[in-house]
Structure formats: C-alpha cells, structure tokens
Protein backbone atom coordinates (compact mmCIF):
# COMPACT_ATOMS: atom_id res chain seq x y z
CA UNK A 1 22.95 -25.51 -5.86
CA UNK A 2 19.96 -24.85 -8.17
CA UNK A 3 18.77 -21.29 -8.67
CA UNK A 4 15.56 -20.30 -6.91
CA UNK A 5 12.54 -20.05 -9.20
CA UNK A 6 10.86 -16.63 -9.18
CA UNK A 7 7.16 -16.39 -10.06
CA UNK A 8 6.19 -13.04 -11.58
CA UNK A 9 2.44 -12.38 -11.23
CA UNK A 10 0.99 -9.89 -13.72
CA UNK A 11 -2.71 -8.89 -13.49
CA UNK A 12 -3.90 -7.67 -16.90
CA UNK A 13 -6.99 -5.67 -17.80
CA UNK A 14 -7.26 -3.69 -21.04
CA UNK A 15 -3.51 -3.13 -21.30
CA UNK A 16 -2.92 -3.83 -24.99
CA UNK A 17 -0.96 -0.57 -25.35
CA UNK A 18 1.42 -1.44 -22.50
CA UNK A 19 1.74 -5.20 -22.23
CA UNK A 20 4.25 -5.81 -25.04
CA UNK A 21 6.88 -3.46 -23.58
CA UNK A 22 6.22 -4.80 -20.10
CA UNK A 23 6.76 -8.43 -21.12
CA UNK A 24 9.82 -7.47 -23.14
CA UNK A 25 11.35 -6.11 -19.91
CA UNK A 26 10.66 -9.46 -18.24
CA UNK A 27 11.97 -11.48 -21.19
CA UNK A 28 15.30 -9.59 -21.07
CA UNK A 29 16.02 -10.38 -17.41
CA UNK A 30 19.62 -11.32 -16.67
CA UNK A 31 18.28 -13.75 -14.05
CA UNK A 32 16.66 -16.44 -16.16
CA UNK A 33 15.01 -18.89 -13.74
CA UNK A 34 11.57 -17.32 -13.69
CA UNK A 35 8.01 -17.97 -14.71
CA UNK A 36 5.54 -15.24 -15.58
CA UNK A 37 1.91 -15.83 -14.59
CA UNK A 38 -0.27 -13.61 -16.77
CA UNK A 39 -3.88 -13.29 -15.60
CA UNK A 40 -6.22 -11.68 -18.13
CA UNK A 41 -8.99 -10.27 -15.96
CA UNK A 42 -11.70 -10.20 -18.61
CA UNK A 43 -10.08 -7.62 -20.90
CA UNK A 44 -12.25 -6.07 -23.62
CA UNK A 45 -9.37 -5.06 -25.89
CA UNK A 46 -6.62 -7.11 -27.56
CA UNK A 47 -4.69 -7.84 -24.35
CA UNK A 48 -5.11 -11.59 -24.90
CA UNK A 49 -3.69 -11.35 -28.41
CA UNK A 50 -0.59 -9.50 -27.18
CA UNK A 51 -0.10 -12.08 -24.41
CA UNK A 52 -0.52 -14.97 -26.86
CA UNK A 53 2.52 -13.77 -28.82
CA UNK A 54 4.74 -14.05 -25.74
CA UNK A 55 3.27 -17.38 -24.61
CA UNK A 56 4.20 -18.84 -28.01
CA UNK A 57 7.63 -17.18 -27.95
CA UNK A 58 8.72 -18.44 -24.52
CA UNK A 59 7.12 -21.21 -22.38
CA UNK A 60 8.07 -19.32 -19.21
CA UNK A 61 5.09 -17.07 -19.97
CA UNK A 62 1.87 -18.73 -18.78
CA UNK A 63 -1.58 -17.42 -19.62
CA UNK A 64 -4.74 -17.60 -17.50
CA UNK A 65 -8.11 -16.00 -18.23
CA UNK A 66 -10.99 -15.22 -15.91
CA UNK A 67 -14.11 -13.11 -15.85
CA UNK A 68 -13.43 -9.66 -14.45
CA UNK A 69 -12.79 -9.82 -10.69
CA UNK A 70 -10.56 -6.78 -10.22
CA UNK A 71 -6.87 -6.53 -9.36
CA UNK A 72 -7.22 -8.51 -6.12
CA UNK A 73 -8.98 -11.39 -7.87
CA UNK A 74 -6.43 -11.43 -10.68
CA UNK A 75 -3.46 -11.43 -8.30
CA UNK A 76 -5.03 -14.17 -6.19
CA UNK A 77 -5.57 -16.25 -9.33
CA UNK A 78 -1.94 -15.71 -10.19
CA UNK A 79 -0.78 -16.69 -6.71
CA UNK A 80 -2.77 -19.92 -6.90
CA UNK A 81 -0.89 -20.89 -10.05
CA UNK A 82 2.66 -20.04 -9.00
CA UNK A 83 5.25 -22.77 -8.53
CA UNK A 84 8.25 -20.61 -7.59
CA UNK A 85 10.24 -20.26 -4.40
CA UNK A 86 9.65 -16.51 -4.53
CA UNK A 87 6.79 -14.35 -5.80
CA UNK A 88 6.94 -10.82 -7.19
CA UNK A 89 4.03 -8.72 -8.47
CA UNK A 90 4.31 -6.56 -11.56
CA UNK A 91 1.86 -4.10 -13.13
CA UNK A 92 1.76 -4.25 -16.95
CA UNK A 93 1.98 -0.48 -17.52
CA UNK A 94 5.40 -0.39 -15.83
CA UNK A 95 8.86 -1.81 -16.61
CA UNK A 96 11.56 -3.87 -14.90
CA UNK A 97 15.22 -2.99 -15.23
CA UNK A 98 17.03 -5.83 -17.02
CA UNK A 99 18.79 -6.81 -13.79
CA UNK A 100 15.74 -6.45 -11.51
CA UNK A 101 15.33 -10.09 -10.53
CA UNK A 102 19.07 -10.64 -10.19
CA UNK A 103 19.41 -7.58 -7.94
CA UNK A 104 16.56 -8.67 -5.67
CA UNK A 105 17.36 -12.39 -5.43
CA UNK A 106 20.96 -11.57 -4.50
CA UNK A 107 19.65 -10.07 -1.25
CA UNK A 108 17.30 -12.97 -0.48
CA UNK A 109 18.12 -15.05 2.60
CA UNK A 110 16.28 -17.76 4.53
CA UNK A 111 15.55 -15.38 7.41
CA UNK A 112 14.30 -12.52 5.20
CA UNK A 113 10.66 -12.72 4.11
CA UNK A 114 10.54 -9.69 1.78
CA UNK A 115 13.16 -8.04 -0.41
CA UNK A 116 11.95 -4.53 -1.28
CA UNK A 117 13.12 -2.99 -4.54
CA UNK A 118 13.82 0.67 -5.26
CA UNK A 119 11.26 2.37 -7.52
CA UNK A 120 12.04 4.96 -10.18
CA UNK A 121 9.28 7.32 -11.37
CA UNK A 122 8.76 7.89 -15.09
CA UNK A 123 6.37 9.94 -17.20
CA UNK A 124 5.21 7.15 -19.46
CA UNK A 125 6.31 3.56 -19.92
CA UNK A 126 10.00 4.22 -20.40
CA UNK A 127 13.34 4.34 -18.59
CA UNK A 128 13.62 8.14 -18.32
CA UNK A 129 13.79 8.69 -14.57
CA UNK A 130 12.21 11.89 -13.25
CA UNK A 131 12.36 10.99 -9.54
CA UNK A 132 12.32 8.10 -7.08
CA UNK A 133 9.75 6.87 -4.62
CA UNK A 134 10.98 7.02 -1.04
CA UNK A 135 13.21 4.09 -0.14
CA UNK A 136 14.49 3.09 3.29
CA UNK A 137 17.22 5.23 4.80
CA UNK A 138 19.33 2.13 5.43
CA UNK A 139 19.27 -0.05 2.29
CA UNK A 140 21.17 -3.36 2.12
CA UNK A 141 20.71 -3.89 5.87
CA UNK A 142 18.39 -6.56 7.24
CA UNK A 143 15.58 -4.94 9.25
CA UNK A 144 14.06 -7.28 11.80
CA UNK A 145 10.45 -6.92 12.86
CA UNK A 146 11.07 -7.08 16.58
CA UNK A 147 8.19 -5.36 18.40
CA UNK A 148 6.57 -4.79 14.98
CA UNK A 149 9.23 -2.19 14.20
CA UNK A 150 8.36 -2.29 10.50
CA UNK A 151 4.98 -0.66 11.15
CA UNK A 152 6.70 2.20 12.97
CA UNK A 153 9.13 2.65 10.07
CA UNK A 154 6.46 2.90 7.37
CA UNK A 155 4.39 5.37 9.41
CA UNK A 156 7.40 7.64 9.90
CA UNK A 157 8.87 7.29 6.41
CA UNK A 158 6.64 7.97 3.36
CA UNK A 159 7.24 4.57 1.77
CA UNK A 160 4.52 3.99 -0.81
CA UNK A 161 2.07 1.18 -0.06
CA UNK A 162 2.34 -1.02 -3.15
CA UNK A 163 2.60 -4.76 -3.72
CA UNK A 164 4.83 -4.61 -6.79
CA UNK A 165 8.63 -4.68 -6.86
CA UNK A 166 8.82 -6.73 -3.68
CA UNK A 167 10.23 -10.24 -3.67
CA UNK A 168 8.20 -12.40 -1.25
CA UNK A 169 9.18 -15.81 0.04
CA UNK A 170 6.44 -18.11 -1.22
CA UNK A 171 6.42 -20.15 2.01
CA UNK A 172 5.96 -16.92 4.01
CA UNK A 173 2.82 -16.07 2.02
CA UNK A 174 1.51 -19.64 2.38
CA UNK A 175 2.26 -19.91 6.10
CA UNK A 176 0.20 -16.82 6.85
CA UNK A 177 -2.42 -17.50 4.15
CA UNK A 178 -1.84 -14.04 2.72
CA UNK A 179 -4.16 -13.08 -0.12
CA UNK A 180 -5.56 -9.86 -1.51
CA UNK A 181 -8.92 -8.73 -0.15
CA UNK A 182 -11.53 -8.78 -2.88
CA UNK A 183 -13.96 -6.01 -3.72
CA UNK A 184 -11.94 -3.00 -2.58
CA UNK A 185 -9.76 -0.38 -4.17
CA UNK A 186 -6.36 0.33 -2.58
CA UNK A 187 -5.97 -3.39 -1.95
CA UNK A 188 -2.23 -2.74 -1.77
CA UNK A 189 -2.75 -0.64 1.36
CA UNK A 190 -4.11 -3.63 3.30
CA UNK A 191 -1.63 -6.07 1.73
CA UNK A 192 1.22 -3.75 2.69
CA UNK A 193 0.12 -3.69 6.33
CA UNK A 194 -0.52 -7.43 6.60
CA UNK A 195 2.75 -8.51 4.99
CA UNK A 196 4.87 -6.11 7.05
CA UNK A 197 3.01 -6.96 10.26
CA UNK A 198 3.67 -10.68 9.81
CA UNK A 199 7.18 -10.60 8.29
CA UNK A 200 10.17 -11.64 10.40
CA UNK A 201 12.56 -9.38 8.51
CA UNK A 202 12.89 -7.36 5.30
CA UNK A 203 15.70 -5.77 3.34
CA UNK A 204 15.70 -2.86 0.85
CA UNK A 205 17.91 -2.75 -2.21
CA UNK A 206 19.68 0.44 -3.27
CA UNK A 207 19.33 0.59 -7.06
CA UNK A 208 16.22 1.05 -9.19
CA UNK A 209 14.72 -2.24 -10.30
CA UNK A 210 11.25 -0.96 -11.24
CA UNK A 211 10.13 1.92 -13.42
CA UNK A 212 6.77 3.18 -12.26
CA UNK A 213 4.65 4.91 -14.92
CA UNK A 214 2.75 7.70 -13.14
CA UNK A 215 0.96 8.94 -16.26
CA UNK A 216 -1.39 5.99 -16.80
CA UNK A 217 -4.74 7.75 -16.42
CA UNK A 218 -6.49 4.45 -15.62
CA UNK A 219 -4.41 3.93 -12.48
CA UNK A 220 -6.29 3.85 -9.16
CA UNK A 221 -3.82 6.38 -7.79
CA UNK A 222 -4.89 8.82 -10.52
CA UNK A 223 -8.62 8.31 -9.93
CA UNK A 224 -9.49 9.29 -6.38
CA UNK A 225 -13.25 9.29 -5.86
CA UNK A 226 -15.87 8.29 -3.32
CA UNK A 227 -15.23 4.58 -3.88
CA UNK A 228 -11.58 5.10 -2.99
CA UNK A 229 -12.55 6.69 0.31
CA UNK A 230 -15.04 3.90 1.03
CA UNK A 231 -12.28 1.35 0.47
CA UNK A 232 -10.00 3.14 2.93
CA UNK A 233 -12.78 3.05 5.53
CA UNK A 234 -13.36 -0.64 4.86
CA UNK A 235 -9.65 -1.35 5.33
CA UNK A 236 -9.63 0.62 8.59
CA UNK A 237 -12.55 -1.42 9.92
CA UNK A 238 -10.98 -4.69 8.76
CA UNK A 239 -7.68 -3.98 10.53
CA UNK A 240 -9.56 -2.90 13.66
CA UNK A 241 -11.68 -6.05 13.78
CA UNK A 242 -9.14 -8.63 12.61
CA UNK A 243 -5.95 -7.26 14.17
CA UNK A 244 -6.55 -4.69 16.91
CA UNK A 245 -9.46 -6.40 18.67
CA UNK A 246 -7.87 -9.85 18.49
CA UNK A 247 -4.30 -8.87 19.41
CA UNK A 248 -3.20 -9.96 22.91
CA UNK A 249 0.34 -8.59 22.84
CA UNK A 250 0.24 -5.01 24.15
CA UNK A 251 3.18 -3.82 22.05
CA UNK A 252 1.66 -5.23 18.88
CA UNK A 253 -1.69 -3.72 19.77
CA UNK A 254 -0.07 -0.30 20.17
CA UNK A 255 1.43 -0.51 16.67
CA UNK A 256 -1.89 -1.59 15.14
CA UNK A 257 -3.56 1.38 16.83
CA UNK A 258 -0.91 3.69 15.36
CA UNK A 259 -1.44 2.30 11.88
CA UNK A 260 -5.22 2.64 12.10
CA UNK A 261 -4.88 6.32 13.01
CA UNK A 262 -2.32 6.69 10.21
CA UNK A 263 -4.91 5.34 7.73
CA UNK A 264 -7.65 7.60 9.09
CA UNK A 265 -5.43 10.62 8.51
CA UNK A 266 -4.67 9.43 4.96
CA UNK A 267 -8.38 8.91 4.31
CA UNK A 268 -9.01 12.57 5.15
CA UNK A 269 -5.90 14.16 3.68
CA UNK A 270 -5.64 12.12 0.49
CA UNK A 271 -9.11 10.77 -0.38
CA UNK A 272 -11.68 13.08 1.18
CA UNK A 273 -9.69 16.15 0.16
CA UNK A 274 -10.03 15.18 -3.53
CA UNK A 275 -13.81 14.77 -3.51
CA UNK A 276 -16.22 17.20 -5.09
CA UNK A 277 -18.90 18.88 -2.96
CA UNK A 278 -21.59 16.31 -3.78
CA UNK A 279 -19.38 13.34 -2.91
CA UNK A 280 -18.18 15.04 0.27
CA UNK A 281 -21.81 15.21 1.41
CA UNK A 282 -22.20 11.48 0.72
CA UNK A 283 -18.91 10.71 2.42
CA UNK A 284 -19.59 12.53 5.69
CA UNK A 285 -21.92 9.97 7.33
CA UNK A 286 -19.66 7.11 6.21
CA UNK A 287 -16.59 8.74 7.76
CA UNK A 288 -18.42 9.62 10.96
CA UNK A 289 -19.77 6.07 11.34
CA UNK A 290 -16.33 4.54 10.83
CA UNK A 291 -14.45 6.98 13.06
CA UNK A 292 -17.02 6.63 15.85
CA UNK A 293 -16.91 2.84 15.81
CA UNK A 294 -13.17 2.40 15.32
CA UNK A 295 -11.46 3.98 18.33
CA UNK A 296 -8.25 2.14 19.18
CA UNK A 297 -6.39 3.25 22.30
CA UNK A 298 -2.82 4.45 22.80
CA UNK A 299 -0.87 4.04 26.05
CA UNK A 300 2.74 5.02 25.36
CA UNK A 301 5.00 7.05 23.12
CA UNK A 302 6.32 5.06 20.14
CA UNK A 303 6.78 7.48 17.23
CA UNK A 304 9.01 10.47 16.65
CA UNK A 305 7.64 13.69 18.20
CA UNK A 306 6.20 15.14 14.97
CA UNK A 307 4.19 11.97 14.28
CA UNK A 308 2.97 11.65 17.86
CA UNK A 309 1.81 15.29 17.62
CA UNK A 310 -0.01 14.61 14.37
CA UNK A 311 -1.78 11.55 15.77
CA UNK A 312 -2.71 13.40 18.97
CA UNK A 313 -4.14 16.41 17.13
CA UNK A 314 -6.06 14.15 14.78
CA UNK A 315 -7.67 12.39 17.74
CA UNK A 316 -8.63 15.78 19.19
CA UNK A 317 -10.40 16.71 15.96
CA UNK A 318 -11.71 13.42 14.62
CA UNK A 319 -15.31 13.86 15.89
CA UNK A 320 -15.64 17.09 13.93
CA UNK A 321 -17.16 17.17 10.46
CA UNK A 322 -14.64 15.89 7.87
CA UNK A 323 -14.22 19.40 6.41
CA UNK A 324 -13.24 20.69 9.84
CA UNK A 325 -10.84 17.78 10.45
CA UNK A 326 -9.15 18.56 7.15
CA UNK A 327 -8.84 22.24 7.99
CA UNK A 328 -7.59 21.60 11.52
CA UNK A 329 -4.86 19.24 10.30
CA UNK A 330 -3.81 21.94 7.85
CA UNK A 331 -3.80 24.76 10.41
CA UNK A 332 -2.80 23.41 13.82
CA UNK A 333 0.97 23.77 13.36
CA UNK A 334 0.92 26.78 11.03
CA UNK A 335 2.88 29.90 11.99
CA UNK A 336 0.58 32.16 9.96
CA UNK A 337 -1.57 34.40 12.16
CA UNK A 338 -4.98 33.78 10.58
CA UNK A 339 -4.43 30.04 10.38
CA UNK A 340 -3.45 29.98 14.06
CA UNK A 341 -6.71 31.78 14.86
CA UNK A 342 -8.71 29.30 12.78
CA UNK A 343 -6.93 26.38 14.45
CA UNK A 344 -7.79 27.71 17.92
CA UNK A 345 -11.43 28.14 16.90
CA UNK A 346 -11.57 24.59 15.53
CA UNK A 347 -9.88 23.26 18.66
CA UNK A 348 -12.52 24.90 20.87
CA UNK A 349 -15.18 23.36 18.66
CA UNK A 350 -13.51 19.94 18.93
CA UNK A 351 -13.18 20.25 22.72
CA UNK A 352 -16.88 21.04 23.00
CA UNK A 353 -17.79 18.10 20.74
CA UNK A 354 -15.61 15.71 22.74
CA UNK A 355 -17.13 16.95 26.00
CA UNK A 356 -20.67 16.47 24.69
CA UNK A 357 -19.74 12.89 23.83
CA UNK A 358 -18.06 12.29 27.23
CA UNK A 359 -14.83 11.68 25.39
CA UNK A 360 -11.45 12.42 26.96
CA UNK A 361 -8.29 12.45 24.88
CA UNK A 362 -5.29 11.32 26.90
CA UNK A 363 -2.11 13.12 25.94
CA UNK A 364 0.68 10.50 26.01
CA UNK A 365 3.28 12.83 24.48
C-alpha cells in the first residue's frame, strides 16, 4: 500500500533569518513522502534566495510567489497548490522534530479528520524546550465530535488556537470548502473554530512534533494592538452571522453561543487589556457596537461550573464600558475584601444598565 502524501504549506514573509533552519527540519523528516509548498508573500528581504537553494537541492520543495496578501492569502495560495492526501501548516520561524510527520501520520485514520500534534515552546528557533503548550488530557484516543463536543473541550481546556502542527485530511478541507478568511489578524482563531466545528473526529499525539519559537518579535501573538481587537470583533460577528443565525440544530446552536461568548471574553481579557489609553478610547465604540448586536442565547448547562459562572458573569457585565467589564471579570470571584466591594459596585452598575436597556439575564446555572 503506497504511503500517503503529506503537503506542508509554509507562508513566508521576510523570514530570511529563519527559513534555512526551518526547511532543514523538513528536509530531515524520517517520513519521506512529502511535498513542501513555499509561498513567498511579497518578501522584501532575501527570503526568495534562501528558498531557491532548497528548491534546487530537493524537488519536493516547491516555490510560489505572490504580491503581499497576508498569512491567510499565503496559506490559501498554498492550499490551492497542494496535491497531497493530508495537509499540514508550518510557520517558518519554528521547527519540526525529525519524526514529526511520521508521528502524526501514524495516528491518521479514515474516520479522523485532524491529527493534532503536541507543541514544545522554545526561546528562539532551536530545540531547547522551556515548556509545552496545553495538549489534550487524553492523547492517543479518538475524540468524536458528537453534539459538537470538540467546541466544549477547547473552551474548557486552554488549547491554543493555531493552524500549524495539525494534520488535516485534504478531502475534509475540500468537502467543507475550508479556507482562511482574508484581511484579518488572528485568522487561526476562526480557522480553529471552523475546522473543529465541522470535523467528525480528532486525535492528539503525546510527543512534541513542533518547536514553537515564542521570541519572534514579528509574531502576531507578540504584537497586540487595536487591529488585533478589531479582528477578534470581526470574527465574533462572522461566527454569529454564518453559524449561530443559520444553525437549526439546538445543541449545535448552544455550542456556537458558548464559543461566541468565549471569544468576547478573550477580546476583553487578552486584546483590550493590552491597549494603551488612546487605543482603548478608539476601541470602546467598536466593542459596544459588536456586543450589542451579537447577543446569542443560552438555554441549558453545558460547561463545567467554573466556565458557566464565567460566561454568566460576563453576560451580566457586558453592557458596561470595556474598562468596567475587564475590572468586573478580574474582581467577581476574588476573596480580597476591597475587590469584593468593587465587584459588588460594578454589579449594581451592570444591573442598572441592563434594566435601562430592558435586558434580563437568565441564570441557567
């Protein structure tokens, strides 16, 4: 039986200092039936020259160039040019372990749409592990998506929302016409939701296959600004319009509602929190417009108690100013006396705001 062909899609933009080591880690794979689709997204440095060396060295490396369209555009270009049975995304400032593809393909089955690799954290593009990103608590076990259980899992477990180091069945991506949304940052956040929402089953491996370089200062994760927040709000509205409002299955609708609230909380706690005073002023009307328009409903308990409490308290506070939402989420479960006082004051303020807007928050806990 012939080995499955794995297509590795690598978006490249101004990565001349990283790309050689990255492609070396691909070249050294113990699993050899792969192709590497390199998309130069209009680089201004010598990225193309570094890629050209590897294209000449090994025909499995394939080079494509386009005018700058961002990570989503580069990945979509790569997807369009894949010919493999499976697709995996790779960022050129990171590294694969030498057995990465072999480890992942070993777990691939016809009824599993995504094989999710374990991610090691490094300070720099190297193999010196300083920590691991959160992996599933039950690796090597097939997890079916009955009742959209995967959405519940990723809300309750802090599994990072990234596209890389996941082996996707190519026919799964084609069947659902899955592509990256153009023109936004945090495109992985939306991709993560859509792929897990539509997958029949996934499986996690239990050994590190990917070495994630957290010190690249050009990374989106290391550059949280107003545009990042705007992208989160755009993703929230997209999921609301394209999934929540169109979903007819009540169980599925409940999980979409949970995920939307999950993203709203992240938008406040991760993006808004990082903004300077000037950008917070610009962000406020954008957040208020989004949160007022996007109001999915909940009807039953689905999550563990701590997560249901978080979602409930967020809904109590979400019509407050973003600064007050942030403070309330920080204070509402604190045992410290002054924070408890502040939380009660903010709760009274939220109750008054909800009453003025004829808004009742049903407690399903």
